[in-house]
Amino acid sequence: SDAPVNLGKVFRDYVNRNISFRLENQYKIWSRGSGTENFVLEVNINYPAETVLYTPGLWQTLKWGWIQYLGILVIFVYMFNSIKTFVFSNQVLPTICNPPGKK
């Protein structure tokens, strides 16, 4: 958007974010040799969704484009070679063989 950025509002919104932490402790104590071999820790962390905007650089864009190009190129080369082999081996088109050096 072309709207100017209001830094005061950005800082106010940043400071007024609701970042909280709640710990519910049931005061259970685990000690070695207390009858169980395993120690299970269950943690639920709730955090809001965050939008991350990323603009790739020139070389990353060129690399991605090159990979896309090669993927399509391999498919088309295979298809055209298959079509060419079919056309010439089944004589779909009339062909004349001229040995090199003879006119």
PDB file of N, CA and C in Angstrom:
ATOM      1  N   SER A   1       0.839  -1.183   0.000  1.00  0.00           N
ATOM      2  CA  SER A   1       0.000   0.000   0.000  1.00  0.00           C
ATOM      3  C   SER A   1       0.876   1.235   0.000  1.00  0.00           C
ATOM      4  N   ASP A   2       0.321   2.321  -0.471  1.00  0.00           N
ATOM      5  CA  ASP A   2       1.076   3.562  -0.582  1.00  0.00           C
ATOM      6  C   ASP A   2       0.874   4.483   0.612  1.00  0.00           C
ATOM      7  N   ALA A   3       0.150   4.030   1.633  1.00  0.00           N
ATOM      8  CA  ALA A   3      -0.105   4.867   2.800  1.00  0.00           C
ATOM      9  C   ALA A   3       1.185   5.020   3.600  1.00  0.00           C
ATOM     10  N   PRO A   4       1.419   6.228   4.150  1.00  0.00           N
ATOM     11  CA  PRO A   4       2.639   6.416   4.952  1.00  0.00           C
ATOM     12  C   PRO A   4       2.541   5.626   6.259  1.00  0.00           C
ATOM     13  N   VAL A   5       3.670   5.206   6.757  1.00  0.00           N
ATOM     14  CA  VAL A   5       3.731   4.395   7.968  1.00  0.00           C
ATOM     15  C   VAL A   5       3.769   5.328   9.169  1.00  0.00           C
ATOM     16  N   ASN A   6       2.881   5.088  10.119  1.00  0.00           N
ATOM     17  CA  ASN A   6       2.842   5.867  11.347  1.00  0.00           C
ATOM     18  C   ASN A   6       3.626   5.103  12.403  1.00  0.00           C
ATOM     19  N   LEU A   7       4.865   5.526  12.657  1.00  0.00           N
ATOM     20  CA  LEU A   7       5.718   4.784  13.584  1.00  0.00           C
ATOM     21  C   LEU A   7       5.166   4.800  14.995  1.00  0.00           C
ATOM     22  N   GLY A   8       4.514   5.893  15.394  1.00  0.00           N
ATOM     23  CA  GLY A   8       3.928   5.952  16.727  1.00  0.00           C
ATOM     24  C   GLY A   8       2.902   4.856  16.923  1.00  0.00           C
ATOM     25  N   LYS A   9       2.044   4.647  15.922  1.00  0.00           N
ATOM     26  CA  LYS A   9       1.022   3.589  16.002  1.00  0.00           C
ATOM     27  C   LYS A   9       1.673   2.213  15.991  1.00  0.00           C
ATOM     28  N   VAL A  10       2.696   2.045  15.180  1.00  0.00           N
ATOM     29  CA  VAL A  10       3.384   0.751  15.129  1.00  0.00           C
ATOM     30  C   VAL A  10       3.991   0.421  16.485  1.00  0.00           C
ATOM     31  N   PHE A  11       4.656   1.385  17.116  1.00  0.00           N
ATOM     32  CA  PHE A  11       5.272   1.142  18.415  1.00  0.00           C
ATOM     33  C   PHE A  11       4.216   0.904  19.498  1.00  0.00           C
ATOM     34  N   ARG A  12       3.108   1.659  19.462  1.00  0.00           N
ATOM     35  CA  ARG A  12       2.035   1.466  20.438  1.00  0.00           C
ATOM     36  C   ARG A  12       1.440   0.067  20.305  1.00  0.00           C
ATOM     37  N   ASP A  13       1.175  -0.347  19.072  1.00  0.00           N
ATOM     38  CA  ASP A  13       0.623  -1.680  18.848  1.00  0.00           C
ATOM     39  C   ASP A  13       1.604  -2.763  19.303  1.00  0.00           C
ATOM     40  N   TYR A  14       2.880  -2.527  19.097  1.00  0.00           N
ATOM     41  CA  TYR A  14       3.898  -3.494  19.495  1.00  0.00           C
ATOM     42  C   TYR A  14       3.950  -3.633  21.014  1.00  0.00           C
ATOM     43  N   VAL A  15       3.889  -2.501  21.716  1.00  0.00           N
ATOM     44  CA  VAL A  15       3.969  -2.515  23.173  1.00  0.00           C
ATOM     45  C   VAL A  15       2.694  -3.102  23.775  1.00  0.00           C
ATOM     46  N   ASN A  16       1.545  -2.880  23.156  1.00  0.00           N
ATOM     47  CA  ASN A  16       0.263  -3.326  23.695  1.00  0.00           C
ATOM     48  C   ASN A  16      -0.096  -4.759  23.320  1.00  0.00           C
ATOM     49  N   ARG A  17       0.807  -5.481  22.711  1.00  0.00           N
ATOM     50  CA  ARG A  17       0.526  -6.875  22.373  1.00  0.00           C
ATOM     51  C   ARG A  17       0.300  -7.682  23.631  1.00  0.00           C
ATOM     52  N   ASN A  18      -0.564  -8.672  23.526  1.00  0.00           N
ATOM     53  CA  ASN A  18      -0.849  -9.532  24.670  1.00  0.00           C
ATOM     54  C   ASN A  18       0.052 -10.756  24.592  1.00  0.00           C
ATOM     55  N   ILE A  19       1.146 -10.682  25.288  1.00  0.00           N
ATOM     56  CA  ILE A  19       2.052 -11.816  25.371  1.00  0.00           C
ATOM     57  C   ILE A  19       1.992 -12.292  26.814  1.00  0.00           C
ATOM     58  N   SER A  20       1.446 -13.467  27.007  1.00  0.00           N
ATOM     59  CA  SER A  20       1.280 -13.948  28.373  1.00  0.00           C
ATOM     60  C   SER A  20       1.796 -15.375  28.479  1.00  0.00           C
ATOM     61  N   PHE A  21       2.033 -15.752  29.699  1.00  0.00           N
ATOM     62  CA  PHE A  21       2.552 -17.072  29.989  1.00  0.00           C
ATOM     63  C   PHE A  21       1.801 -17.590  31.208  1.00  0.00           C
ATOM     64  N   ARG A  22       1.269 -18.781  31.121  1.00  0.00           N
ATOM     65  CA  ARG A  22       0.545 -19.372  32.239  1.00  0.00           C
ATOM     66  C   ARG A  22       1.154 -20.731  32.533  1.00  0.00           C
ATOM     67  N   LEU A  23       1.493 -20.934  33.767  1.00  0.00           N
ATOM     68  CA  LEU A  23       2.083 -22.197  34.187  1.00  0.00           C
ATOM     69  C   LEU A  23       1.164 -22.817  35.225  1.00  0.00           C
ATOM     70  N   GLU A  24       0.666 -23.974  34.914  1.00  0.00           N
ATOM     71  CA  GLU A  24      -0.164 -24.694  35.872  1.00  0.00           C
ATOM     72  C   GLU A  24       0.672 -25.835  36.429  1.00  0.00           C
ATOM     73  N   ASN A  25       1.031 -25.727  37.658  1.00  0.00           N
ATOM     74  CA  ASN A  25       1.884 -26.709  38.295  1.00  0.00           C
ATOM     75  C   ASN A  25       1.053 -27.520  39.272  1.00  0.00           C
ATOM     76  N   GLN A  26       1.094 -28.822  39.162  1.00  0.00           N
ATOM     77  CA  GLN A  26       0.370 -29.689  40.081  1.00  0.00           C
ATOM     78  C   GLN A  26       1.311 -30.238  41.155  1.00  0.00           C
ATOM     79  N   TYR A  27       2.502 -29.744  41.212  1.00  0.00           N
ATOM     80  CA  TYR A  27       3.487 -30.093  42.235  1.00  0.00           C
ATOM     81  C   TYR A  27       3.744 -31.586  42.297  1.00  0.00           C
ATOM     82  N   LYS A  28       3.983 -32.183  41.173  1.00  0.00           N
ATOM     83  CA  LYS A  28       4.354 -33.588  41.143  1.00  0.00           C
ATOM     84  C   LYS A  28       5.872 -33.652  41.069  1.00  0.00           C
ATOM     85  N   ILE A  29       6.419 -34.518  41.815  1.00  0.00           N
ATOM     86  CA  ILE A  29       7.870 -34.646  41.861  1.00  0.00           C
ATOM     87  C   ILE A  29       8.231 -36.021  41.326  1.00  0.00           C
ATOM     88  N   TRP A  30       9.137 -36.028  40.378  1.00  0.00           N
ATOM     89  CA  TRP A  30       9.622 -37.286  39.827  1.00  0.00           C
ATOM     90  C   TRP A  30      11.044 -37.464  40.312  1.00  0.00           C
ATOM     91  N   SER A  31      11.316 -38.630  40.786  1.00  0.00           N
ATOM     92  CA  SER A  31      12.690 -38.907  41.198  1.00  0.00           C
ATOM     93  C   SER A  31      13.087 -40.262  40.641  1.00  0.00           C
ATOM     94  N   ARG A  32      14.333 -40.423  40.479  1.00  0.00           N
ATOM     95  CA  ARG A  32      14.847 -41.649  39.900  1.00  0.00           C
ATOM     96  C   ARG A  32      14.582 -42.824  40.835  1.00  0.00           C
ATOM     97  N   GLY A  33      14.112 -43.909  40.226  1.00  0.00           N
ATOM     98  CA  GLY A  33      13.857 -45.096  41.022  1.00  0.00           C
ATOM     99  C   GLY A  33      12.515 -45.048  41.736  1.00  0.00           C
ATOM    100  N   SER A  34      11.601 -44.200  41.274  1.00  0.00           N
ATOM    101  CA  SER A  34      10.306 -44.096  41.968  1.00  0.00           C
ATOM    102  C   SER A  34       9.268 -45.040  41.379  1.00  0.00           C
ATOM    103  N   GLY A  35       9.680 -46.051  40.667  1.00  0.00           N
ATOM    104  CA  GLY A  35       8.758 -47.042  40.155  1.00  0.00           C
ATOM    105  C   GLY A  35       8.582 -46.988  38.646  1.00  0.00           C
ATOM    106  N   THR A  36       8.872 -45.894  38.018  1.00  0.00           N
ATOM    107  CA  THR A  36       8.738 -45.808  36.568  1.00  0.00           C
ATOM    108  C   THR A  36      10.069 -45.426  35.949  1.00  0.00           C
ATOM    109  N   GLU A  37      10.292 -45.943  34.768  1.00  0.00           N
ATOM    110  CA  GLU A  37      11.533 -45.654  34.053  1.00  0.00           C
ATOM    111  C   GLU A  37      11.427 -44.383  33.218  1.00  0.00           C
ATOM    112  N   ASN A  38      10.188 -44.050  32.816  1.00  0.00           N
ATOM    113  CA  ASN A  38      10.004 -42.950  31.879  1.00  0.00           C
ATOM    114  C   ASN A  38       9.569 -41.685  32.592  1.00  0.00           C
ATOM    115  N   PHE A  39       9.928 -40.597  31.982  1.00  0.00           N
ATOM    116  CA  PHE A  39       9.506 -39.284  32.447  1.00  0.00           C
ATOM    117  C   PHE A  39       8.831 -38.604  31.262  1.00  0.00           C
ATOM    118  N   VAL A  40       7.546 -38.305  31.379  1.00  0.00           N
ATOM    119  CA  VAL A  40       6.789 -37.725  30.281  1.00  0.00           C
ATOM    120  C   VAL A  40       6.473 -36.276  30.632  1.00  0.00           C
ATOM    121  N   LEU A  41       6.818 -35.400  29.733  1.00  0.00           N
ATOM    122  CA  LEU A  41       6.543 -33.975  29.908  1.00  0.00           C
ATOM    123  C   LEU A  41       5.641 -33.544  28.772  1.00  0.00           C
ATOM    124  N   GLU A  42       4.444 -33.063  29.096  1.00  0.00           N
ATOM    125  CA  GLU A  42       3.517 -32.566  28.092  1.00  0.00           C
ATOM    126  C   GLU A  42       3.467 -31.061  28.189  1.00  0.00           C
ATOM    127  N   VAL A  43       3.702 -30.407  27.047  1.00  0.00           N
ATOM    128  CA  VAL A  43       3.730 -28.953  27.006  1.00  0.00           C
ATOM    129  C   VAL A  43       2.830 -28.486  25.881  1.00  0.00           C
ATOM    130  N   ASN A  44       1.949 -27.547  26.173  1.00  0.00           N
ATOM    131  CA  ASN A  44       1.129 -26.890  25.158  1.00  0.00           C
ATOM    132  C   ASN A  44       1.559 -25.444  25.073  1.00  0.00           C
ATOM    133  N   ILE A  45       2.003 -25.045  23.908  1.00  0.00           N
ATOM    134  CA  ILE A  45       2.412 -23.663  23.689  1.00  0.00           C
ATOM    135  C   ILE A  45       1.461 -23.068  22.671  1.00  0.00           C
ATOM    136  N   ASN A  46       0.748 -22.044  23.066  1.00  0.00           N
ATOM    137  CA  ASN A  46      -0.170 -21.349  22.166  1.00  0.00           C
ATOM    138  C   ASN A  46       0.474 -20.028  21.757  1.00  0.00           C
ATOM    139  N   TYR A  47       0.578 -19.831  20.475  1.00  0.00           N
ATOM    140  CA  TYR A  47       1.116 -18.572  19.970  1.00  0.00           C
ATOM    141  C   TYR A  47       0.307 -18.162  18.755  1.00  0.00           C
ATOM    142  N   PRO A  48       0.163 -16.872  18.519  1.00  0.00           N
ATOM    143  CA  PRO A  48      -0.653 -16.418  17.390  1.00  0.00           C
ATOM    144  C   PRO A  48       0.063 -16.651  16.065  1.00  0.00           C
ATOM    145  N   ALA A  49      -0.736 -16.753  15.010  1.00  0.00           N
ATOM    146  CA  ALA A  49      -0.167 -16.914  13.671  1.00  0.00           C
ATOM    147  C   ALA A  49       0.585 -15.646  13.289  1.00  0.00           C
ATOM    148  N   GLU A  50       1.685 -15.815  12.645  1.00  0.00           N
ATOM    149  CA  GLU A  50       2.519 -14.689  12.246  1.00  0.00           C
ATOM    150  C   GLU A  50       2.696 -14.722  10.739  1.00  0.00           C
ATOM    151  N   THR A  51       2.566 -13.584  10.112  1.00  0.00           N
ATOM    152  CA  THR A  51       2.766 -13.489   8.674  1.00  0.00           C
ATOM    153  C   THR A  51       4.204 -13.049   8.409  1.00  0.00           C
ATOM    154  N   VAL A  52       4.904 -13.826   7.609  1.00  0.00           N
ATOM    155  CA  VAL A  52       6.287 -13.513   7.271  1.00  0.00           C
ATOM    156  C   VAL A  52       6.342 -13.230   5.774  1.00  0.00           C
ATOM    157  N   LEU A  53       6.749 -12.037   5.431  1.00  0.00           N
ATOM    158  CA  LEU A  53       6.895 -11.668   4.027  1.00  0.00           C
ATOM    159  C   LEU A  53       8.363 -11.749   3.654  1.00  0.00           C
ATOM    160  N   TYR A  54       8.632 -12.410   2.544  1.00  0.00           N
ATOM    161  CA  TYR A  54      10.015 -12.600   2.125  1.00  0.00           C
ATOM    162  C   TYR A  54      10.115 -12.347   0.630  1.00  0.00           C
ATOM    163  N   THR A  55      11.056 -11.543   0.237  1.00  0.00           N
ATOM    164  CA  THR A  55      11.306 -11.280  -1.176  1.00  0.00           C
ATOM    165  C   THR A  55      12.624 -11.937  -1.551  1.00  0.00           C
ATOM    166  N   PRO A  56      12.601 -12.935  -2.446  1.00  0.00           N
ATOM    167  CA  PRO A  56      13.846 -13.611  -2.811  1.00  0.00           C
ATOM    168  C   PRO A  56      14.746 -12.689  -3.633  1.00  0.00           C
ATOM    169  N   GLY A  57      16.027 -12.950  -3.538  1.00  0.00           N
ATOM    170  CA  GLY A  57      16.995 -12.180  -4.288  1.00  0.00           C
ATOM    171  C   GLY A  57      17.074 -12.634  -5.740  1.00  0.00           C
ATOM    172  N   LEU A  58      17.880 -11.941  -6.513  1.00  0.00           N
ATOM    173  CA  LEU A  58      18.016 -12.225  -7.937  1.00  0.00           C
ATOM    174  C   LEU A  58      18.513 -13.647  -8.182  1.00  0.00           C
ATOM    175  N   TRP A  59      19.555 -14.067  -7.459  1.00  0.00           N
ATOM    176  CA  TRP A  59      20.139 -15.385  -7.715  1.00  0.00           C
ATOM    177  C   TRP A  59      19.198 -16.502  -7.313  1.00  0.00           C
ATOM    178  N   GLN A  60      18.420 -16.300  -6.249  1.00  0.00           N
ATOM    179  CA  GLN A  60      17.453 -17.327  -5.855  1.00  0.00           C
ATOM    180  C   GLN A  60      16.355 -17.450  -6.908  1.00  0.00           C
ATOM    181  N   THR A  61      15.919 -16.324  -7.444  1.00  0.00           N
ATOM    182  CA  THR A  61      14.899 -16.347  -8.485  1.00  0.00           C
ATOM    183  C   THR A  61      15.434 -17.019  -9.746  1.00  0.00           C
ATOM    184  N   LEU A  62      16.660 -16.692 -10.142  1.00  0.00           N
ATOM    185  CA  LEU A  62      17.253 -17.321 -11.329  1.00  0.00           C
ATOM    186  C   LEU A  62      17.444 -18.821 -11.128  1.00  0.00           C
ATOM    187  N   LYS A  63      17.875 -19.213  -9.934  1.00  0.00           N
ATOM    188  CA  LYS A  63      18.059 -20.642  -9.661  1.00  0.00           C
ATOM    189  C   LYS A  63      16.727 -21.377  -9.745  1.00  0.00           C
ATOM    190  N   TRP A  64      15.683 -20.830  -9.160  1.00  0.00           N
ATOM    191  CA  TRP A  64      14.368 -21.460  -9.199  1.00  0.00           C
ATOM    192  C   TRP A  64      13.854 -21.529 -10.632  1.00  0.00           C
ATOM    193  N   GLY A  65      14.050 -20.465 -11.398  1.00  0.00           N
ATOM    194  CA  GLY A  65      13.630 -20.470 -12.798  1.00  0.00           C
ATOM    195  C   GLY A  65      14.379 -21.519 -13.607  1.00  0.00           C
ATOM    196  N   TRP A  66      15.666 -21.675 -13.357  1.00  0.00           N
ATOM    197  CA  TRP A  66      16.483 -22.659 -14.069  1.00  0.00           C
ATOM    198  C   TRP A  66      15.996 -24.070 -13.757  1.00  0.00           C
ATOM    199  N   ILE A  67      15.664 -24.329 -12.499  1.00  0.00           N
ATOM    200  CA  ILE A  67      15.160 -25.652 -12.127  1.00  0.00           C
ATOM    201  C   ILE A  67      13.827 -25.925 -12.819  1.00  0.00           C
ATOM    202  N   GLN A  68      12.942 -24.918 -12.874  1.00  0.00           N
ATOM    203  CA  GLN A  68      11.655 -25.082 -13.558  1.00  0.00           C
ATOM    204  C   GLN A  68      11.878 -25.340 -15.056  1.00  0.00           C
ATOM    205  N   TYR A  69      12.789 -24.590 -15.664  1.00  0.00           N
ATOM    206  CA  TYR A  69      13.091 -24.743 -17.086  1.00  0.00           C
ATOM    207  C   TYR A  69      13.611 -26.146 -17.381  1.00  0.00           C
ATOM    208  N   LEU A  70      14.538 -26.632 -16.577  1.00  0.00           N
ATOM    209  CA  LEU A  70      15.100 -27.964 -16.821  1.00  0.00           C
ATOM    210  C   LEU A  70      14.055 -29.056 -16.651  1.00  0.00           C
ATOM    211  N   GLY A  71      13.167 -28.892 -15.676  1.00  0.00           N
ATOM    212  CA  GLY A  71      12.113 -29.892 -15.488  1.00  0.00           C
ATOM    213  C   GLY A  71      11.214 -30.001 -16.706  1.00  0.00           C
ATOM    214  N   ILE A  72      10.821 -28.877 -17.264  1.00  0.00           N
ATOM    215  CA  ILE A  72       9.970 -28.879 -18.460  1.00  0.00           C
ATOM    216  C   ILE A  72      10.767 -29.349 -19.680  1.00  0.00           C
ATOM    217  N   LEU A  73      12.031 -28.939 -19.782  1.00  0.00           N
ATOM    218  CA  LEU A  73      12.872 -29.306 -20.920  1.00  0.00           C
ATOM    219  C   LEU A  73      13.031 -30.819 -21.025  1.00  0.00           C
ATOM    220  N   VAL A  74      13.262 -31.483 -19.916  1.00  0.00           N
ATOM    221  CA  VAL A  74      13.440 -32.945 -19.933  1.00  0.00           C
ATOM    222  C   VAL A  74      12.185 -33.619 -20.471  1.00  0.00           C
ATOM    223  N   ILE A  75      11.019 -33.164 -20.034  1.00  0.00           N
ATOM    224  CA  ILE A  75       9.759 -33.760 -20.497  1.00  0.00           C
ATOM    225  C   ILE A  75       9.585 -33.557 -21.998  1.00  0.00           C
ATOM    226  N   PHE A  76       9.819 -32.320 -22.484  1.00  0.00           N
ATOM    227  CA  PHE A  76       9.617 -32.045 -23.905  1.00  0.00           C
ATOM    228  C   PHE A  76      10.657 -32.747 -24.784  1.00  0.00           C
ATOM    229  N   VAL A  77      11.891 -32.834 -24.350  1.00  0.00           N
ATOM    230  CA  VAL A  77      12.911 -33.545 -25.138  1.00  0.00           C
ATOM    231  C   VAL A  77      12.527 -35.013 -25.261  1.00  0.00           C
ATOM    232  N   TYR A  78      12.069 -35.620 -24.186  1.00  0.00           N
ATOM    233  CA  TYR A  78      11.649 -37.018 -24.231  1.00  0.00           C
ATOM    234  C   TYR A  78      10.461 -37.194 -25.184  1.00  0.00           C
ATOM    235  N   MET A  79       9.473 -36.288 -25.076  1.00  0.00           N
ATOM    236  CA  MET A  79       8.301 -36.398 -25.952  1.00  0.00           C
ATOM    237  C   MET A  79       8.679 -36.226 -27.420  1.00  0.00           C
ATOM    238  N   PHE A  80       9.477 -35.212 -27.735  1.00  0.00           N
ATOM    239  CA  PHE A  80       9.842 -34.977 -29.128  1.00  0.00           C
ATOM    240  C   PHE A  80      10.713 -36.090 -29.690  1.00  0.00           C
ATOM    241  N   ASN A  81      11.598 -36.664 -28.887  1.00  0.00           N
ATOM    242  CA  ASN A  81      12.399 -37.802 -29.359  1.00  0.00           C
ATOM    243  C   ASN A  81      11.508 -39.014 -29.616  1.00  0.00           C
ATOM    244  N   SER A  82      10.515 -39.230 -28.767  1.00  0.00           N
ATOM    245  CA  SER A  82       9.587 -40.343 -28.991  1.00  0.00           C
ATOM    246  C   SER A  82       8.782 -40.139 -30.261  1.00  0.00           C
ATOM    247  N   ILE A  83       8.295 -38.920 -30.472  1.00  0.00           N
ATOM    248  CA  ILE A  83       7.528 -38.612 -31.688  1.00  0.00           C
ATOM    249  C   ILE A  83       8.410 -38.763 -32.923  1.00  0.00           C
ATOM    250  N   LYS A  84       9.636 -38.244 -32.860  1.00  0.00           N
ATOM    251  CA  LYS A  84      10.561 -38.342 -33.995  1.00  0.00           C
ATOM    252  C   LYS A  84      10.860 -39.804 -34.325  1.00  0.00           C
ATOM    253  N   THR A  85      11.118 -40.611 -33.300  1.00  0.00           N
ATOM    254  CA  THR A  85      11.387 -42.032 -33.530  1.00  0.00           C
ATOM    255  C   THR A  85      10.184 -42.718 -34.163  1.00  0.00           C
ATOM    256  N   PHE A  86       8.996 -42.426 -33.687  1.00  0.00           N
ATOM    257  CA  PHE A  86       7.789 -43.022 -34.246  1.00  0.00           C
ATOM    258  C   PHE A  86       7.594 -42.612 -35.701  1.00  0.00           C
ATOM    259  N   VAL A  87       7.755 -41.317 -35.988  1.00  0.00           N
ATOM    260  CA  VAL A  87       7.516 -40.804 -37.346  1.00  0.00           C
ATOM    261  C   VAL A  87       8.493 -41.427 -38.338  1.00  0.00           C
ATOM    262  N   PHE A  88       9.780 -41.495 -37.980  1.00  0.00           N
ATOM    263  CA  PHE A  88      10.759 -42.002 -38.932  1.00  0.00           C
ATOM    264  C   PHE A  88      10.796 -43.532 -38.994  1.00  0.00           C
ATOM    265  N   SER A  89      10.516 -44.208 -37.898  1.00  0.00           N
ATOM    266  CA  SER A  89      10.560 -45.673 -37.950  1.00  0.00           C
ATOM    267  C   SER A  89       9.311 -46.245 -38.617  1.00  0.00           C
ATOM    268  N   ASN A  90       8.176 -45.573 -38.542  1.00  0.00           N
ATOM    269  CA  ASN A  90       6.955 -46.044 -39.183  1.00  0.00           C
ATOM    270  C   ASN A  90       6.711 -45.373 -40.532  1.00  0.00           C
ATOM    271  N   GLN A  91       7.645 -44.588 -40.983  1.00  0.00           N
ATOM    272  CA  GLN A  91       7.600 -43.896 -42.276  1.00  0.00           C
ATOM    273  C   GLN A  91       6.278 -43.146 -42.463  1.00  0.00           C
ATOM    274  N   VAL A  92       5.937 -42.375 -41.447  1.00  0.00           N
ATOM    275  CA  VAL A  92       4.732 -41.544 -41.518  1.00  0.00           C
ATOM    276  C   VAL A  92       4.937 -40.454 -42.551  1.00  0.00           C
ATOM    277  N   LEU A  93       6.131 -39.909 -42.606  1.00  0.00           N
ATOM    278  CA  LEU A  93       6.485 -38.892 -43.600  1.00  0.00           C
ATOM    279  C   LEU A  93       7.418 -39.522 -44.622  1.00  0.00           C
ATOM    280  N   PRO A  94       7.260 -39.182 -45.887  1.00  0.00           N
ATOM    281  CA  PRO A  94       8.189 -39.732 -46.884  1.00  0.00           C
ATOM    282  C   PRO A  94       9.582 -39.140 -46.677  1.00  0.00           C
ATOM    283  N   THR A  95      10.577 -39.990 -46.653  1.00  0.00           N
ATOM    284  CA  THR A  95      11.950 -39.533 -46.461  1.00  0.00           C
ATOM    285  C   THR A  95      12.831 -40.095 -47.562  1.00  0.00           C
ATOM    286  N   ILE A  96      13.858 -39.347 -47.888  1.00  0.00           N
ATOM    287  CA  ILE A  96      14.850 -39.781 -48.872  1.00  0.00           C
ATOM    288  C   ILE A  96      16.204 -39.690 -48.196  1.00  0.00           C
ATOM    289  N   CYS A  97      16.954 -40.767 -48.244  1.00  0.00           N
ATOM    290  CA  CYS A  97      18.273 -40.796 -47.633  1.00  0.00           C
ATOM    291  C   CYS A  97      19.295 -40.389 -48.682  1.00  0.00           C
ATOM    292  N   ASN A  98      20.018 -39.351 -48.410  1.00  0.00           N
ATOM    293  CA  ASN A  98      21.112 -38.914 -49.278  1.00  0.00           C
ATOM    294  C   ASN A  98      22.418 -39.144 -48.527  1.00  0.00           C
ATOM    295  N   PRO A  99      23.218 -40.088 -48.984  1.00  0.00           N
ATOM    296  CA  PRO A  99      24.511 -40.300 -48.308  1.00  0.00           C
ATOM    297  C   PRO A  99      25.378 -39.045 -48.470  1.00  0.00           C
ATOM    298  N   PRO A 100      26.186 -38.739 -47.491  1.00  0.00           N
ATOM    299  CA  PRO A 100      27.036 -37.542 -47.607  1.00  0.00           C
ATOM    300  C   PRO A 100      28.059 -37.739 -48.725  1.00  0.00           C
ATOM    301  N   GLY A 101      28.309 -36.697 -49.467  1.00  0.00           N
ATOM    302  CA  GLY A 101      29.277 -36.731 -50.562  1.00  0.00           C
ATOM    303  C   GLY A 101      28.649 -37.026 -51.908  1.00  0.00           C
ATOM    304  N   LYS A 102      27.500 -37.611 -51.986  1.00  0.00           N
ATOM    305  CA  LYS A 102      26.818 -37.887 -53.273  1.00  0.00           C
ATOM    306  C   LYS A 102      25.827 -36.771 -53.535  1.00  0.00           C
ATOM    307  N   LYS A 103      25.757 -36.353 -54.806  1.00  0.00           N
ATOM    308  CA  LYS A 103      24.806 -35.323 -55.177  1.00  0.00           C
ATOM    309  C   LYS A 103      23.926 -35.797 -56.264  1.00  0.00           C
TER     310      LYS A 103
END
